Amino acid sequence: MPSLYDIPPWLIRTFAVAFGLIWGSFLNVVIHRVPRGESVVRPASKCPNCGQPIRPWNNIPVLSWVLLRGRARCCGARISPRYVLVEAASGLMALAIVEVLLLPMPPETTLLRVAVVFVSALALVLALMAAAFIDLEHMYIPDPIPYGLTVIGLATHSLRDVGWRDAVVAAAGSFLLVWLVFGVLYRWVRGRTGMGMGDAKLLMVAGAWFGWKGAAFALMAGAVQATVAAAIALVVRGKIDEPEAVTREREEILAQVAAIEDPAERARAERELETDPIFETSPDGNALLRIPFGPFLALAMIEYLLVGDALAQRYLGWLAY
């Protein structure tokens, strides 16, 4: 059976970057359409501004954005830098997986194992990137992402020397811990949610992939990095603004509830809104400032995947002092 020794490293790197760029382009479709309830398969890619189909030669990852100078060929509308950022990051992450996880493998490692490690790791990274960008814009994480990643993590546990029982217990325990502490007890004490269920499900992913150690690292490193990011934002801008999409979605939901003619049904809908974090308010009646934690959990998990042992020793080592 062919082994890692039979494939030149430059060919592996080239394939990985191209593969990552292609899937990065699809990732932009996921980030844009999933929160809007649209299919990620049909129709084909179209301009977000005018709706015209995008020709294949105008949809080459990174290159098309650069050649078109960040504007749509069909209508000249500005294309968000997020598109090229996601594509470039996907290619770079694929290359990082090759450098850190694949090339250090023993030369006799079969290509089948190499392929499974690469595809599963890239699936984790790309899905986490999608969750991060969706959470940044809409402050929620679509359920298929953490559920799908949990299944993949449990199915590939042996690739990371994590026992099946340890992976299952860590996944379930991580979710229950966040749900109990930040969803139940925190709400009982403070009257509002501490962490959303999307965050709990992402931590479940960390447990399924990396066990308790990885879940603990994701929670601690994510909290540290979120605190630093929030502090920088406050110093630079003096405030942390709520995403426009969240404000717009809240107004649309309130308008829909107000339009309900039956008083009993409208009252029931209003009570249901009280359990949604985006409708939680402070004592003065203003919406609570919330920072999406998902992107920082996702970042911590990617860090653990690539340089987990060294970072875990640094972060978790603080507990010894």
Protein backbone atom coordinates (compact mmCIF):
# COMPACT_ATOMS: atom_id res chain seq x y z
CA MET A 1 0.00 0.00 0.00
CA PRO A 2 1.36 3.49 -0.88
CA SER A 3 2.83 5.38 2.05
CA LEU A 4 3.72 8.93 2.94
CA TYR A 5 7.25 8.22 1.71
CA ASP A 6 5.97 7.78 -1.86
CA ILE A 7 4.59 11.34 -2.20
CA PRO A 8 6.94 14.35 -2.48
CA PRO A 9 6.31 16.93 0.27
CA TRP A 10 5.92 19.74 -2.27
CA LEU A 11 3.07 17.85 -3.94
CA ILE A 12 1.31 17.32 -0.63
CA ARG A 13 1.65 21.00 0.22
CA THR A 14 0.40 22.13 -3.19
CA PHE A 15 -2.59 19.82 -3.11
CA ALA A 16 -3.47 20.85 0.46
CA VAL A 17 -3.42 24.59 -0.29
CA ALA A 18 -5.51 24.18 -3.47
CA PHE A 19 -7.95 21.90 -1.64
CA GLY A 20 -8.24 24.36 1.23
CA LEU A 21 -8.82 27.32 -1.10
CA ILE A 22 -11.61 25.51 -2.93
CA TRP A 23 -13.38 24.60 0.28
CA GLY A 24 -12.77 28.11 1.59
CA SER A 25 -14.82 29.43 -1.32
CA PHE A 26 -17.64 27.06 -0.36
CA LEU A 27 -17.26 28.16 3.25
CA ASN A 28 -18.24 31.68 2.24
CA VAL A 29 -21.47 30.26 0.83
CA VAL A 30 -22.16 28.51 4.13
CA ILE A 31 -21.45 31.64 6.20
CA HIS A 32 -23.72 33.79 4.03
CA ARG A 33 -26.63 31.42 3.39
CA VAL A 34 -27.08 29.23 6.46
CA PRO A 35 -28.15 32.07 8.82
CA ARG A 36 -30.67 33.15 6.18
CA GLY A 37 -32.15 29.69 5.90
CA GLU A 38 -30.99 29.25 2.29
CA SER A 39 -29.66 26.13 0.61
CA VAL A 40 -25.87 25.91 0.32
CA VAL A 41 -26.20 23.79 -2.83
CA ARG A 42 -28.66 25.67 -5.03
CA PRO A 43 -28.72 28.07 -6.69
CA ALA A 44 -25.12 28.50 -7.84
CA SER A 45 -23.02 31.35 -6.44
CA LYS A 46 -24.56 34.75 -7.11
CA CYS A 47 -23.71 38.36 -6.43
CA PRO A 48 -24.97 39.37 -2.95
CA ASN A 49 -25.80 42.84 -4.32
CA CYS A 50 -27.61 42.33 -7.64
CA GLY A 51 -28.25 38.58 -7.58
CA GLN A 52 -26.55 37.87 -10.91
CA PRO A 53 -24.88 34.42 -11.19
CA ILE A 54 -21.10 34.55 -10.72
CA ARG A 55 -19.19 33.03 -13.63
CA PRO A 56 -16.66 30.33 -12.70
CA TRP A 57 -13.72 32.44 -13.96
CA ASN A 58 -14.85 35.25 -11.67
CA ASN A 59 -15.05 32.91 -8.68
CA ILE A 60 -11.46 31.67 -8.39
CA PRO A 61 -10.50 31.72 -4.69
CA VAL A 62 -8.43 34.77 -3.69
CA LEU A 63 -7.24 35.45 -7.26
CA SER A 64 -10.59 36.71 -8.56
CA TRP A 65 -11.00 39.08 -5.60
CA VAL A 66 -7.52 40.50 -6.19
CA LEU A 67 -7.92 40.87 -9.97
CA LEU A 68 -11.34 42.50 -9.60
CA ARG A 69 -9.96 44.77 -6.87
CA GLY A 70 -12.62 43.72 -4.40
CA ARG A 71 -15.60 44.56 -6.61
CA ALA A 72 -18.21 42.48 -8.43
CA ARG A 73 -17.76 42.32 -12.17
CA CYS A 74 -21.53 42.29 -12.79
CA CYS A 75 -22.52 45.48 -10.97
CA GLY A 76 -19.33 46.95 -9.51
CA ALA A 77 -20.53 46.56 -5.93
CA ARG A 78 -17.89 46.27 -3.24
CA ILE A 79 -17.17 42.69 -2.13
CA SER A 80 -16.50 42.30 1.57
CA PRO A 81 -12.86 41.51 2.43
CA ARG A 82 -14.28 38.68 4.52
CA TYR A 83 -14.60 36.56 1.38
CA VAL A 84 -10.91 36.67 0.50
CA LEU A 85 -9.97 36.41 4.19
CA VAL A 86 -11.94 33.18 4.61
CA GLU A 87 -10.52 31.71 1.40
CA ALA A 88 -6.92 32.61 2.24
CA ALA A 89 -7.29 31.38 5.83
CA SER A 90 -8.68 28.07 4.59
CA GLY A 91 -5.69 27.53 2.33
CA LEU A 92 -3.26 28.47 5.08
CA MET A 93 -4.99 26.20 7.59
CA ALA A 94 -4.76 23.29 5.16
CA LEU A 95 -1.03 23.98 4.79
CA ALA A 96 -0.62 24.22 8.57
CA ILE A 97 -2.29 20.82 9.01
CA VAL A 98 0.17 19.33 6.51
CA GLU A 99 3.20 20.88 8.23
CA VAL A 100 2.17 20.10 11.80
CA LEU A 101 0.19 16.85 11.56
CA LEU A 102 1.09 15.06 8.33
CA LEU A 103 4.74 15.59 7.40
CA PRO A 104 6.04 14.68 10.89
CA MET A 105 4.37 11.25 10.55
CA PRO A 106 6.65 8.24 10.09
CA PRO A 107 7.43 7.73 6.37
CA GLU A 108 5.80 4.30 6.41
CA THR A 109 2.40 5.76 7.38
CA THR A 110 -0.16 4.65 4.82
CA LEU A 111 -1.70 7.24 2.53
CA LEU A 112 -5.14 6.16 3.73
CA ARG A 113 -4.33 7.17 7.29
CA VAL A 114 -2.71 10.39 6.07
CA ALA A 115 -5.82 11.23 4.05
CA VAL A 116 -8.19 10.51 6.95
CA VAL A 117 -6.16 12.68 9.32
CA PHE A 118 -6.02 15.52 6.80
CA VAL A 119 -9.69 15.46 5.82
CA SER A 120 -10.98 15.14 9.39
CA ALA A 121 -8.68 17.89 10.71
CA LEU A 122 -9.57 20.22 7.84
CA ALA A 123 -13.28 19.52 8.37
CA LEU A 124 -12.86 20.54 12.01
CA VAL A 125 -11.00 23.74 11.19
CA LEU A 126 -13.31 24.85 8.38
CA ALA A 127 -16.47 24.11 10.35
CA LEU A 128 -15.09 26.03 13.33
CA MET A 129 -14.29 28.96 11.04
CA ALA A 130 -17.86 28.91 9.72
CA ALA A 131 -19.22 28.84 13.28
CA ALA A 132 -16.95 31.72 14.28
CA PHE A 133 -17.95 34.02 11.43
CA ILE A 134 -21.66 33.23 11.79
CA ASP A 135 -21.48 33.86 15.53
CA LEU A 136 -19.66 37.15 15.00
CA GLU A 137 -22.37 38.38 12.64
CA HIS A 138 -25.53 36.78 14.06
CA MET A 139 -24.50 35.77 17.60
CA TYR A 140 -25.68 32.21 17.25
CA ILE A 141 -24.19 28.90 16.07
CA PRO A 142 -26.22 26.62 13.76
CA ASP A 143 -26.78 23.24 15.41
CA PRO A 144 -25.56 21.11 12.45
CA ILE A 145 -22.02 22.43 12.94
CA PRO A 146 -21.37 21.29 16.54
CA TYR A 147 -23.47 18.13 16.17
CA GLY A 148 -21.68 17.12 12.98
CA LEU A 149 -18.25 17.86 14.42
CA THR A 150 -19.06 15.86 17.55
CA VAL A 151 -19.94 12.81 15.44
CA ILE A 152 -16.75 13.19 13.38
CA GLY A 153 -14.68 13.63 16.53
CA LEU A 154 -16.06 10.50 18.15
CA ALA A 155 -15.64 8.51 14.93
CA THR A 156 -11.97 9.51 14.58
CA HIS A 157 -10.97 9.44 18.27
CA SER A 158 -8.29 6.79 17.71
CA LEU A 159 -6.37 9.14 15.40
CA ARG A 160 -5.64 11.37 18.38
CA ASP A 161 -4.99 8.69 21.01
CA VAL A 162 -8.22 9.57 22.82
CA GLY A 163 -10.16 6.59 24.14
CA TRP A 164 -13.77 6.14 23.00
CA ARG A 165 -15.12 6.28 26.55
CA ASP A 166 -13.01 9.33 27.39
CA ALA A 167 -14.24 11.13 24.27
CA VAL A 168 -17.91 10.39 24.99
CA VAL A 169 -17.68 11.31 28.67
CA ALA A 170 -15.71 14.50 27.94
CA ALA A 171 -18.18 15.57 25.23
CA ALA A 172 -21.27 14.96 27.36
CA GLY A 173 -19.66 16.30 30.52
CA SER A 174 -18.44 19.51 28.85
CA PHE A 175 -21.91 20.29 27.52
CA LEU A 176 -23.62 19.50 30.83
CA LEU A 177 -21.09 21.55 32.78
CA VAL A 178 -21.68 24.70 30.73
CA TRP A 179 -25.45 24.16 30.63
CA LEU A 180 -25.68 23.64 34.40
CA VAL A 181 -23.25 26.35 35.53
CA PHE A 182 -23.86 29.10 32.97
CA GLY A 183 -27.33 28.20 31.74
CA VAL A 184 -29.11 27.21 34.95
CA LEU A 185 -27.18 28.40 38.03
CA TYR A 186 -25.96 31.66 36.47
CA ARG A 187 -29.48 32.53 35.32
CA TRP A 188 -30.84 31.67 38.77
CA VAL A 189 -28.29 33.93 40.50
CA ARG A 190 -27.98 36.78 37.99
CA GLY A 191 -31.29 36.55 36.16
CA ARG A 192 -29.69 36.18 32.74
CA THR A 193 -27.71 33.70 30.66
CA GLY A 194 -23.97 33.42 31.23
CA MET A 195 -23.10 31.39 28.12
CA GLY A 196 -25.35 30.39 25.25
CA MET A 197 -26.15 26.83 24.35
CA GLY A 198 -24.17 27.27 21.13
CA ASP A 199 -21.07 27.75 23.25
CA ALA A 200 -21.93 24.66 25.28
CA LYS A 201 -22.23 22.64 22.07
CA LEU A 202 -18.87 23.92 20.83
CA LEU A 203 -17.27 22.85 24.09
CA MET A 204 -18.89 19.46 23.53
CA VAL A 205 -16.97 19.34 20.25
CA ALA A 206 -13.72 20.02 22.11
CA GLY A 207 -14.44 17.14 24.47
CA ALA A 208 -15.28 14.74 21.64
CA TRP A 209 -12.09 15.60 19.75
CA PHE A 210 -9.54 16.12 22.51
CA GLY A 211 -10.97 14.76 25.77
CA TRP A 212 -11.16 16.62 29.06
CA LYS A 213 -7.76 18.23 28.65
CA GLY A 214 -8.71 19.75 25.32
CA ALA A 215 -12.10 20.92 26.60
CA ALA A 216 -10.49 22.57 29.63
CA PHE A 217 -7.94 24.26 27.38
CA ALA A 218 -10.63 25.51 24.99
CA LEU A 219 -12.66 27.01 27.83
CA MET A 220 -9.68 28.67 29.56
CA ALA A 221 -7.82 29.84 26.47
CA GLY A 222 -11.06 31.02 24.88
CA ALA A 223 -11.92 33.06 27.98
CA VAL A 224 -8.45 34.61 28.13
CA GLN A 225 -8.45 35.55 24.45
CA ALA A 226 -12.03 36.89 24.61
CA THR A 227 -11.10 39.10 27.57
CA VAL A 228 -8.04 40.45 25.77
CA ALA A 229 -10.04 41.12 22.60
CA ALA A 230 -12.79 42.90 24.54
CA ALA A 231 -10.24 45.04 26.39
CA ILE A 232 -8.54 46.03 23.12
CA ALA A 233 -11.91 46.91 21.56
CA LEU A 234 -12.82 49.10 24.54
CA VAL A 235 -9.46 50.87 24.48
CA VAL A 236 -9.50 51.46 20.72
CA ARG A 237 -13.18 52.22 20.16
CA GLY A 238 -14.47 52.94 23.64
CA LYS A 239 -17.37 50.51 23.21
CA ILE A 240 -18.41 47.15 21.84
CA ASP A 241 -21.20 47.45 19.31
CA GLU A 242 -23.83 44.82 18.76
CA PRO A 243 -23.74 43.33 15.25
CA GLU A 244 -26.16 45.04 12.88
CA ALA A 245 -27.63 41.70 11.87
CA VAL A 246 -28.62 40.97 15.48
CA THR A 247 -30.30 44.37 15.88
CA ARG A 248 -32.17 43.87 12.62
CA GLU A 249 -33.23 40.33 13.51
CA ARG A 250 -34.50 41.47 16.92
CA GLU A 251 -36.60 44.21 15.33
CA GLU A 252 -38.03 41.78 12.77
CA ILE A 253 -38.99 39.26 15.47
CA LEU A 254 -40.61 41.94 17.63
CA ALA A 255 -42.57 43.19 14.63
CA GLN A 256 -43.79 39.66 13.88
CA VAL A 257 -44.89 39.15 17.49
CA ALA A 258 -46.64 42.52 17.59
CA ALA A 259 -48.56 41.59 14.43
CA ILE A 260 -50.14 38.51 16.09
CA GLU A 261 -53.83 39.29 16.41
CA ASP A 262 -54.79 36.76 19.09
CA PRO A 263 -53.86 38.29 22.50
CA ALA A 264 -53.29 34.90 24.15
CA GLU A 265 -51.03 33.71 21.35
CA ARG A 266 -49.15 37.01 21.34
CA ALA A 267 -48.62 36.81 25.11
CA ARG A 268 -47.31 33.27 24.74
CA ALA A 269 -44.88 34.39 22.05
CA GLU A 270 -43.69 37.26 24.26
CA ARG A 271 -43.01 34.84 27.13
CA GLU A 272 -40.97 32.65 24.78
CA LEU A 273 -38.88 35.67 23.81
CA GLU A 274 -37.89 36.15 27.45
CA THR A 275 -35.78 32.99 27.28
CA ASP A 276 -33.85 34.20 24.21
CA PRO A 277 -30.55 35.89 25.20
CA ILE A 278 -30.88 38.57 22.50
CA PHE A 279 -33.96 39.91 24.29
CA GLU A 280 -32.39 40.02 27.75
CA THR A 281 -32.21 43.55 29.16
CA SER A 282 -30.45 45.32 32.02
CA PRO A 283 -32.36 46.94 34.90
CA ASP A 284 -32.57 50.21 32.94
CA GLY A 285 -34.33 48.41 30.10
CA ASN A 286 -31.47 48.51 27.62
CA ALA A 287 -30.27 45.43 25.78
CA LEU A 288 -27.40 43.69 27.53
CA LEU A 289 -23.98 43.92 25.95
CA ARG A 290 -23.04 40.45 24.77
CA ILE A 291 -19.78 39.32 23.24
CA PRO A 292 -19.88 36.28 20.96
CA PHE A 293 -17.75 33.65 22.70
CA GLY A 294 -17.95 31.08 19.91
CA PRO A 295 -15.11 32.60 17.82
CA PHE A 296 -12.74 32.38 20.77
CA LEU A 297 -13.69 28.80 21.58
CA ALA A 298 -13.16 27.97 17.89
CA LEU A 299 -9.77 29.68 17.88
CA ALA A 300 -8.71 27.83 21.03
CA MET A 301 -9.69 24.48 19.50
CA ILE A 302 -7.71 25.20 16.33
CA GLU A 303 -4.75 26.15 18.49
CA TYR A 304 -5.07 22.92 20.42
CA LEU A 305 -5.28 20.88 17.22
CA LEU A 306 -2.05 22.37 15.86
CA VAL A 307 0.05 23.05 18.96
CA GLY A 308 -2.06 21.56 21.72
CA ASP A 309 0.42 20.01 24.08
CA ALA A 310 2.70 23.05 24.38
CA LEU A 311 -0.20 25.49 24.82
CA ALA A 312 -2.06 23.23 27.23
CA GLN A 313 0.99 23.01 29.47
CA ARG A 314 1.27 26.80 29.46
CA TYR A 315 -2.41 27.57 30.11
CA LEU A 316 -3.27 24.67 32.39
CA GLY A 317 0.07 25.03 34.19
CA TRP A 318 -1.28 28.19 35.79
CA LEU A 319 -3.53 25.99 37.92
CA ALA A 320 -0.47 24.62 39.71
CA TYR A 321 0.42 28.00 41.18
